[in-house]
Amino acid sequence: MQARDIMNKDVITVPEESSIEEAAGILTENNISGAPVVNKKGKIVGMVTEEDLLHKETNPRTPAFINILGAFIYIKGIERYREDFKKLAAASTSEIMTTDVISAGGDMEIEDVAALMVKHGIKRVPVVENGDIIGIISRADIIKTLAAKARPAQNQ
């Protein structure tokens, strides 16, 4: 089974010029935890999630470091700290969104979409062809497909 077979074709998107409050409103009104961000031409330019929006209300996560003779040597987490700080200072969706979008093609097998979600720790994958969003797949969509496959076996 392929991505196009289970994707939701009615994709809720957020315009990149939206304010953070507008993005939060779109997610809340549609009872979703994330959505693709699109430019004026409708092309995907990022993803915005509840997690991204939470950064506006939290302090950046402090990177791990050691102190040697008064000098701080960062061990890990400095990039995460920079990203958190950037999101804390953001005023628009384009500043807070994740720009490294993990997407799938319509012909991608569902197992491969699920593997992408697990590998990257994401909850939704936009289905894109030629830069256009043709659908979106959530974890729930994949779980529903698994459950549907199990039903015929239970009835035999």
N, C-alpha and C. Protein backbone atom coordinates (compact mmCIF):
# COMPACT_ATOMS: atom_id res chain seq x y z
N MET A 1 0.85 -1.18 0.00
CA MET A 1 0.00 0.00 0.00
C MET A 1 0.90 1.24 0.00
N GLN A 2 0.45 2.26 -0.71
CA GLN A 2 1.27 3.46 -0.87
C GLN A 2 0.71 4.65 -0.08
N ALA A 3 1.56 5.67 0.07
CA ALA A 3 1.20 6.87 0.82
C ALA A 3 -0.11 7.47 0.31
N ARG A 4 -0.28 7.54 -1.00
CA ARG A 4 -1.48 8.15 -1.57
C ARG A 4 -2.75 7.39 -1.21
N ASP A 5 -2.61 6.11 -0.83
CA ASP A 5 -3.77 5.30 -0.47
C ASP A 5 -4.33 5.63 0.90
N ILE A 6 -3.51 6.18 1.79
CA ILE A 6 -3.99 6.46 3.16
C ILE A 6 -3.91 7.93 3.55
N MET A 7 -3.31 8.76 2.70
CA MET A 7 -3.11 10.17 3.06
C MET A 7 -4.44 10.91 3.16
N ASN A 8 -4.43 11.94 3.99
CA ASN A 8 -5.57 12.85 4.09
C ASN A 8 -5.35 13.91 3.01
N LYS A 9 -6.29 14.04 2.10
CA LYS A 9 -6.14 14.98 0.98
C LYS A 9 -6.53 16.41 1.36
N ASP A 10 -7.27 16.58 2.43
CA ASP A 10 -7.68 17.90 2.90
C ASP A 10 -6.65 18.41 3.90
N VAL A 11 -5.58 18.98 3.39
CA VAL A 11 -4.46 19.39 4.23
C VAL A 11 -4.67 20.82 4.74
N ILE A 12 -4.60 20.96 6.05
CA ILE A 12 -4.65 22.28 6.68
C ILE A 12 -3.23 22.83 6.62
N THR A 13 -3.06 24.03 6.08
CA THR A 13 -1.74 24.64 5.99
C THR A 13 -1.73 25.98 6.72
N VAL A 14 -0.52 26.45 6.99
CA VAL A 14 -0.31 27.74 7.64
C VAL A 14 0.50 28.61 6.69
N PRO A 15 0.01 29.82 6.37
CA PRO A 15 0.80 30.72 5.52
C PRO A 15 2.08 31.16 6.23
N GLU A 16 3.20 31.23 5.52
CA GLU A 16 4.47 31.55 6.15
C GLU A 16 4.50 32.95 6.74
N GLU A 17 3.67 33.85 6.26
CA GLU A 17 3.67 35.21 6.79
C GLU A 17 2.77 35.36 8.02
N SER A 18 2.16 34.27 8.47
CA SER A 18 1.29 34.29 9.65
C SER A 18 2.07 34.65 10.91
N SER A 19 1.38 35.30 11.83
CA SER A 19 1.97 35.52 13.15
C SER A 19 1.94 34.20 13.91
N ILE A 20 2.69 34.13 14.96
CA ILE A 20 2.70 32.92 15.79
C ILE A 20 1.32 32.68 16.38
N GLU A 21 0.64 33.74 16.77
CA GLU A 21 -0.70 33.62 17.32
C GLU A 21 -1.67 33.07 16.28
N GLU A 22 -1.55 33.53 15.04
CA GLU A 22 -2.40 33.01 13.96
C GLU A 22 -2.13 31.53 13.71
N ALA A 23 -0.86 31.14 13.72
CA ALA A 23 -0.51 29.72 13.54
C ALA A 23 -1.10 28.89 14.66
N ALA A 24 -0.98 29.38 15.89
CA ALA A 24 -1.55 28.66 17.04
C ALA A 24 -3.07 28.54 16.89
N GLY A 25 -3.70 29.59 16.39
CA GLY A 25 -5.15 29.56 16.17
C GLY A 25 -5.55 28.52 15.13
N ILE A 26 -4.79 28.43 14.05
CA ILE A 26 -5.08 27.44 13.00
C ILE A 26 -4.98 26.02 13.55
N LEU A 27 -3.92 25.75 14.31
CA LEU A 27 -3.76 24.41 14.89
C LEU A 27 -4.89 24.11 15.86
N THR A 28 -5.22 25.07 16.72
CA THR A 28 -6.26 24.88 17.73
C THR A 28 -7.64 24.70 17.10
N GLU A 29 -7.99 25.57 16.17
CA GLU A 29 -9.31 25.51 15.53
C GLU A 29 -9.53 24.20 14.78
N ASN A 30 -8.46 23.64 14.26
CA ASN A 30 -8.57 22.40 13.48
C ASN A 30 -8.22 21.16 14.29
N ASN A 31 -7.93 21.35 15.58
CA ASN A 31 -7.61 20.24 16.48
C ASN A 31 -6.49 19.36 15.93
N ILE A 32 -5.41 20.03 15.47
CA ILE A 32 -4.25 19.31 14.96
C ILE A 32 -3.01 19.79 15.71
N SER A 33 -1.97 18.98 15.72
CA SER A 33 -0.77 19.33 16.48
C SER A 33 0.35 19.87 15.60
N GLY A 34 0.12 19.95 14.30
CA GLY A 34 1.13 20.49 13.41
C GLY A 34 0.58 20.59 12.00
N ALA A 35 1.24 21.44 11.20
CA ALA A 35 0.77 21.64 9.83
C ALA A 35 1.92 22.12 8.95
N PRO A 36 1.82 21.84 7.65
CA PRO A 36 2.81 22.38 6.71
C PRO A 36 2.66 23.91 6.62
N VAL A 37 3.79 24.57 6.42
CA VAL A 37 3.80 26.01 6.20
C VAL A 37 4.04 26.21 4.71
N VAL A 38 3.23 27.06 4.08
CA VAL A 38 3.33 27.27 2.65
C VAL A 38 3.59 28.74 2.32
N ASN A 39 4.27 28.96 1.18
CA ASN A 39 4.50 30.33 0.72
C ASN A 39 3.29 30.79 -0.08
N LYS A 40 3.37 31.99 -0.65
CA LYS A 40 2.23 32.56 -1.39
C LYS A 40 1.86 31.74 -2.62
N LYS A 41 2.80 30.96 -3.14
CA LYS A 41 2.52 30.11 -4.30
C LYS A 41 1.97 28.74 -3.90
N GLY A 42 1.83 28.52 -2.59
CA GLY A 42 1.31 27.24 -2.10
C GLY A 42 2.35 26.15 -1.98
N LYS A 43 3.62 26.50 -2.13
CA LYS A 43 4.70 25.51 -2.02
C LYS A 43 5.11 25.36 -0.55
N ILE A 44 5.40 24.15 -0.15
CA ILE A 44 5.80 23.89 1.23
C ILE A 44 7.18 24.48 1.51
N VAL A 45 7.26 25.23 2.62
CA VAL A 45 8.53 25.83 3.02
C VAL A 45 8.94 25.43 4.43
N GLY A 46 8.06 24.71 5.13
CA GLY A 46 8.38 24.30 6.49
C GLY A 46 7.21 23.57 7.13
N MET A 47 7.41 23.27 8.41
CA MET A 47 6.36 22.65 9.23
C MET A 47 6.34 23.43 10.55
N VAL A 48 5.15 23.64 11.07
CA VAL A 48 5.02 24.26 12.39
C VAL A 48 4.21 23.30 13.26
N THR A 49 4.70 23.09 14.47
CA THR A 49 4.05 22.15 15.38
C THR A 49 3.81 22.81 16.72
N GLU A 50 3.02 22.13 17.53
CA GLU A 50 2.81 22.61 18.90
C GLU A 50 4.14 22.75 19.63
N GLU A 51 5.05 21.82 19.39
CA GLU A 51 6.36 21.88 20.03
C GLU A 51 7.10 23.16 19.66
N ASP A 52 7.05 23.54 18.38
CA ASP A 52 7.67 24.79 17.96
C ASP A 52 7.07 25.97 18.72
N LEU A 53 5.74 25.98 18.82
CA LEU A 53 5.05 27.08 19.47
C LEU A 53 5.32 27.13 20.96
N LEU A 54 5.55 25.98 21.58
CA LEU A 54 5.85 25.94 23.01
C LEU A 54 7.15 26.68 23.34
N HIS A 55 8.05 26.77 22.38
CA HIS A 55 9.32 27.46 22.61
C HIS A 55 9.12 28.92 22.98
N LYS A 56 7.99 29.50 22.57
CA LYS A 56 7.71 30.90 22.91
C LYS A 56 7.47 31.07 24.40
N GLU A 57 7.11 30.00 25.08
CA GLU A 57 6.75 30.07 26.50
C GLU A 57 7.78 29.41 27.41
N THR A 58 8.92 28.99 26.87
CA THR A 58 9.92 28.31 27.68
C THR A 58 11.29 28.95 27.51
N ASN A 59 12.18 28.58 28.38
CA ASN A 59 13.57 29.02 28.27
C ASN A 59 14.34 28.04 27.39
N PRO A 60 15.36 28.53 26.69
CA PRO A 60 16.17 27.60 25.88
C PRO A 60 16.80 26.51 26.76
N ARG A 61 16.89 25.30 26.20
CA ARG A 61 17.53 24.20 26.93
C ARG A 61 19.03 24.45 26.98
N THR A 62 19.58 24.43 28.17
CA THR A 62 20.99 24.72 28.36
C THR A 62 21.86 23.60 27.82
N PRO A 63 22.85 23.95 27.02
CA PRO A 63 23.73 22.91 26.48
C PRO A 63 24.63 22.32 27.56
N ALA A 64 25.04 21.07 27.37
CA ALA A 64 25.96 20.43 28.31
C ALA A 64 27.37 21.00 28.09
N PHE A 65 28.05 21.29 29.20
CA PHE A 65 29.39 21.86 29.10
C PHE A 65 30.23 21.45 30.30
N ILE A 66 31.52 21.65 30.17
CA ILE A 66 32.42 21.49 31.32
C ILE A 66 33.17 22.80 31.47
N ASN A 67 33.55 23.08 32.70
CA ASN A 67 34.26 24.31 33.01
C ASN A 67 35.69 23.94 33.39
N ILE A 68 36.63 24.37 32.59
CA ILE A 68 38.04 24.11 32.88
C ILE A 68 38.76 25.45 33.02
N LEU A 69 39.20 25.71 34.25
CA LEU A 69 39.91 26.96 34.54
C LEU A 69 39.15 28.19 34.07
N GLY A 70 37.83 28.19 34.29
CA GLY A 70 37.00 29.33 33.93
C GLY A 70 36.54 29.38 32.50
N ALA A 71 36.96 28.45 31.68
CA ALA A 71 36.52 28.42 30.28
C ALA A 71 35.44 27.36 30.11
N PHE A 72 34.38 27.72 29.43
CA PHE A 72 33.29 26.77 29.16
C PHE A 72 33.59 26.03 27.87
N ILE A 73 33.58 24.72 27.94
CA ILE A 73 33.76 23.89 26.77
C ILE A 73 32.45 23.11 26.58
N TYR A 74 31.76 23.44 25.50
CA TYR A 74 30.47 22.80 25.26
C TYR A 74 30.68 21.39 24.72
N ILE A 75 29.99 20.45 25.38
CA ILE A 75 30.11 19.05 24.99
C ILE A 75 29.06 18.70 23.94
N LYS A 76 27.83 19.08 24.21
CA LYS A 76 26.75 18.83 23.25
C LYS A 76 25.60 19.77 23.56
N GLY A 77 24.74 19.95 22.56
CA GLY A 77 23.54 20.73 22.76
C GLY A 77 23.62 22.20 22.38
N ILE A 78 24.76 22.67 21.91
CA ILE A 78 24.88 24.08 21.58
C ILE A 78 23.99 24.43 20.38
N GLU A 79 23.89 23.54 19.40
CA GLU A 79 23.01 23.80 18.25
C GLU A 79 21.56 23.83 18.69
N ARG A 80 21.17 22.90 19.56
CA ARG A 80 19.80 22.88 20.07
C ARG A 80 19.51 24.16 20.83
N TYR A 81 20.48 24.66 21.63
CA TYR A 81 20.32 25.91 22.38
C TYR A 81 20.11 27.08 21.41
N ARG A 82 20.92 27.15 20.37
CA ARG A 82 20.78 28.23 19.38
C ARG A 82 19.40 28.18 18.72
N GLU A 83 18.95 26.98 18.36
CA GLU A 83 17.64 26.83 17.73
C GLU A 83 16.53 27.22 18.69
N ASP A 84 16.62 26.80 19.95
CA ASP A 84 15.64 27.18 20.97
C ASP A 84 15.59 28.69 21.13
N PHE A 85 16.76 29.32 21.19
CA PHE A 85 16.82 30.77 21.39
C PHE A 85 16.22 31.51 20.19
N LYS A 86 16.49 31.01 18.99
CA LYS A 86 15.93 31.60 17.77
C LYS A 86 14.41 31.54 17.82
N LYS A 87 13.87 30.41 18.25
CA LYS A 87 12.42 30.25 18.32
C LYS A 87 11.82 31.11 19.43
N LEU A 88 12.54 31.29 20.52
CA LEU A 88 12.07 32.14 21.61
C LEU A 88 11.90 33.58 21.13
N ALA A 89 12.79 34.03 20.28
CA ALA A 89 12.76 35.41 19.79
C ALA A 89 11.85 35.59 18.57
N ALA A 90 11.29 34.53 18.05
CA ALA A 90 10.51 34.58 16.81
C ALA A 90 9.23 35.40 16.96
N ALA A 91 8.85 36.06 15.87
CA ALA A 91 7.62 36.84 15.84
C ALA A 91 6.65 36.33 14.77
N SER A 92 7.15 35.53 13.84
CA SER A 92 6.29 35.02 12.78
C SER A 92 6.50 33.52 12.59
N THR A 93 5.57 32.92 11.89
CA THR A 93 5.64 31.49 11.63
C THR A 93 6.92 31.12 10.90
N SER A 94 7.33 31.97 9.95
CA SER A 94 8.53 31.66 9.17
C SER A 94 9.78 31.64 10.04
N GLU A 95 9.75 32.30 11.18
CA GLU A 95 10.91 32.32 12.08
C GLU A 95 10.91 31.16 13.07
N ILE A 96 9.76 30.57 13.31
CA ILE A 96 9.67 29.51 14.33
C ILE A 96 9.53 28.11 13.71
N MET A 97 9.15 28.06 12.43
CA MET A 97 8.90 26.77 11.78
C MET A 97 10.19 25.97 11.61
N THR A 98 10.03 24.68 11.42
CA THR A 98 11.12 23.80 11.07
C THR A 98 11.24 23.82 9.55
N THR A 99 12.41 24.17 9.05
CA THR A 99 12.57 24.29 7.60
C THR A 99 13.07 23.00 6.94
N ASP A 100 13.64 22.10 7.72
CA ASP A 100 14.13 20.83 7.18
C ASP A 100 12.98 19.83 7.20
N VAL A 101 12.11 19.91 6.20
CA VAL A 101 10.89 19.12 6.17
C VAL A 101 11.16 17.72 5.66
N ILE A 102 10.70 16.75 6.43
CA ILE A 102 10.76 15.35 6.02
C ILE A 102 9.43 15.09 5.30
N SER A 103 9.49 14.71 4.04
CA SER A 103 8.27 14.48 3.28
C SER A 103 8.33 13.14 2.57
N ALA A 104 7.19 12.75 2.02
CA ALA A 104 7.08 11.49 1.28
C ALA A 104 6.48 11.79 -0.09
N GLY A 105 6.76 10.92 -1.03
CA GLY A 105 6.10 10.98 -2.33
C GLY A 105 4.86 10.11 -2.29
N GLY A 106 3.94 10.35 -3.19
CA GLY A 106 2.71 9.59 -3.22
C GLY A 106 2.90 8.10 -3.45
N ASP A 107 3.99 7.73 -4.12
CA ASP A 107 4.27 6.33 -4.42
C ASP A 107 5.06 5.61 -3.32
N MET A 108 5.42 6.33 -2.26
CA MET A 108 6.20 5.72 -1.19
C MET A 108 5.35 4.69 -0.44
N GLU A 109 5.94 3.55 -0.14
CA GLU A 109 5.24 2.51 0.61
C GLU A 109 5.00 2.97 2.05
N ILE A 110 3.86 2.56 2.61
CA ILE A 110 3.49 2.97 3.96
C ILE A 110 4.55 2.58 4.99
N GLU A 111 5.14 1.40 4.81
CA GLU A 111 6.18 0.95 5.74
C GLU A 111 7.36 1.93 5.74
N ASP A 112 7.67 2.49 4.58
CA ASP A 112 8.77 3.44 4.48
C ASP A 112 8.41 4.78 5.12
N VAL A 113 7.15 5.18 5.01
CA VAL A 113 6.68 6.40 5.66
C VAL A 113 6.77 6.22 7.18
N ALA A 114 6.33 5.07 7.67
CA ALA A 114 6.40 4.78 9.11
C ALA A 114 7.85 4.81 9.59
N ALA A 115 8.75 4.25 8.79
CA ALA A 115 10.18 4.24 9.15
C ALA A 115 10.72 5.67 9.23
N LEU A 116 10.29 6.55 8.32
CA LEU A 116 10.70 7.95 8.38
C LEU A 116 10.25 8.61 9.69
N MET A 117 9.02 8.33 10.06
CA MET A 117 8.47 8.91 11.29
C MET A 117 9.27 8.47 12.51
N VAL A 118 9.56 7.19 12.56
CA VAL A 118 10.32 6.65 13.69
C VAL A 118 11.74 7.21 13.70
N LYS A 119 12.40 7.16 12.57
CA LYS A 119 13.79 7.61 12.47
C LYS A 119 13.95 9.07 12.87
N HIS A 120 13.01 9.92 12.45
CA HIS A 120 13.14 11.36 12.68
C HIS A 120 12.31 11.85 13.86
N GLY A 121 11.57 10.95 14.52
CA GLY A 121 10.78 11.33 15.68
C GLY A 121 9.70 12.35 15.35
N ILE A 122 9.02 12.16 14.22
CA ILE A 122 7.99 13.10 13.80
C ILE A 122 6.61 12.44 13.82
N LYS A 123 5.57 13.26 13.88
CA LYS A 123 4.21 12.76 14.02
C LYS A 123 3.39 12.83 12.74
N ARG A 124 3.90 13.56 11.76
CA ARG A 124 3.17 13.72 10.51
C ARG A 124 4.15 13.91 9.37
N VAL A 125 3.76 13.47 8.19
CA VAL A 125 4.61 13.59 7.01
C VAL A 125 3.77 14.13 5.86
N PRO A 126 4.13 15.30 5.33
CA PRO A 126 3.40 15.78 4.16
C PRO A 126 3.77 14.92 2.95
N VAL A 127 2.78 14.69 2.10
CA VAL A 127 3.00 13.96 0.86
C VAL A 127 3.11 15.02 -0.23
N VAL A 128 4.27 15.03 -0.89
CA VAL A 128 4.59 16.11 -1.82
C VAL A 128 4.97 15.55 -3.18
N GLU A 129 4.47 16.21 -4.22
CA GLU A 129 4.87 15.89 -5.59
C GLU A 129 5.14 17.20 -6.32
N ASN A 130 6.34 17.35 -6.87
CA ASN A 130 6.76 18.57 -7.58
C ASN A 130 6.63 19.82 -6.71
N GLY A 131 6.90 19.67 -5.42
CA GLY A 131 6.83 20.81 -4.50
C GLY A 131 5.43 21.14 -4.02
N ASP A 132 4.42 20.46 -4.55
CA ASP A 132 3.03 20.70 -4.15
C ASP A 132 2.61 19.66 -3.12
N ILE A 133 1.90 20.13 -2.11
CA ILE A 133 1.38 19.21 -1.10
C ILE A 133 0.12 18.56 -1.66
N ILE A 134 0.13 17.23 -1.73
CA ILE A 134 -1.05 16.52 -2.22
C ILE A 134 -1.77 15.79 -1.10
N GLY A 135 -1.15 15.76 0.08
CA GLY A 135 -1.77 15.10 1.23
C GLY A 135 -0.86 15.14 2.43
N ILE A 136 -1.33 14.54 3.50
CA ILE A 136 -0.53 14.44 4.72
C ILE A 136 -0.89 13.13 5.41
N ILE A 137 0.11 12.52 6.02
CA ILE A 137 -0.09 11.26 6.74
C ILE A 137 0.35 11.47 8.18
N SER A 138 -0.52 11.11 9.10
CA SER A 138 -0.19 11.20 10.53
C SER A 138 0.09 9.79 11.05
N ARG A 139 0.62 9.74 12.26
CA ARG A 139 0.82 8.43 12.89
C ARG A 139 -0.49 7.68 13.00
N ALA A 140 -1.57 8.42 13.31
CA ALA A 140 -2.88 7.79 13.46
C ALA A 140 -3.33 7.13 12.15
N ASP A 141 -3.02 7.75 11.02
CA ASP A 141 -3.39 7.16 9.72
C ASP A 141 -2.71 5.80 9.54
N ILE A 142 -1.47 5.71 9.94
CA ILE A 142 -0.73 4.45 9.79
C ILE A 142 -1.27 3.40 10.75
N ILE A 143 -1.59 3.81 11.98
CA ILE A 143 -2.15 2.88 12.96
C ILE A 143 -3.51 2.35 12.49
N LYS A 144 -4.33 3.24 11.92
CA LYS A 144 -5.63 2.80 11.39
C LYS A 144 -5.45 1.76 10.29
N THR A 145 -4.44 1.96 9.45
CA THR A 145 -4.16 1.01 8.37
C THR A 145 -3.73 -0.34 8.95
N LEU A 146 -2.90 -0.31 9.98
CA LEU A 146 -2.49 -1.56 10.64
C LEU A 146 -3.69 -2.27 11.23
N ALA A 147 -4.57 -1.52 11.88
CA ALA A 147 -5.76 -2.11 12.49
C ALA A 147 -6.67 -2.72 11.43
N ALA A 148 -6.82 -2.03 10.30
CA ALA A 148 -7.66 -2.56 9.21
C ALA A 148 -7.10 -3.85 8.65
N LYS A 149 -5.77 -3.94 8.57
CA LYS A 149 -5.14 -5.18 8.08
C LYS A 149 -5.37 -6.33 9.04
N ALA A 150 -5.44 -6.03 10.33
CA ALA A 150 -5.60 -7.07 11.35
C ALA A 150 -7.04 -7.59 11.40
N ARG A 151 -8.02 -6.78 11.09
CA ARG A 151 -9.43 -7.18 11.17
C ARG A 151 -9.77 -8.38 10.32
N PRO A 152 -9.40 -8.42 9.04
CA PRO A 152 -9.75 -9.61 8.23
C PRO A 152 -9.16 -10.90 8.81
N ALA A 153 -7.97 -10.83 9.36
CA ALA A 153 -7.35 -12.02 9.94
C ALA A 153 -8.11 -12.49 11.17
N GLN A 154 -8.67 -11.55 11.95
CA GLN A 154 -9.42 -11.90 13.15
C GLN A 154 -10.74 -12.55 12.82
N ASN A 155 -11.33 -12.18 11.68
CA ASN A 155 -12.64 -12.70 11.29
C ASN A 155 -12.59 -14.09 10.67
N GLN A 156 -11.39 -14.60 10.39
CA GLN A 156 -11.28 -15.91 9.75
C GLN A 156 -11.23 -17.02 10.75
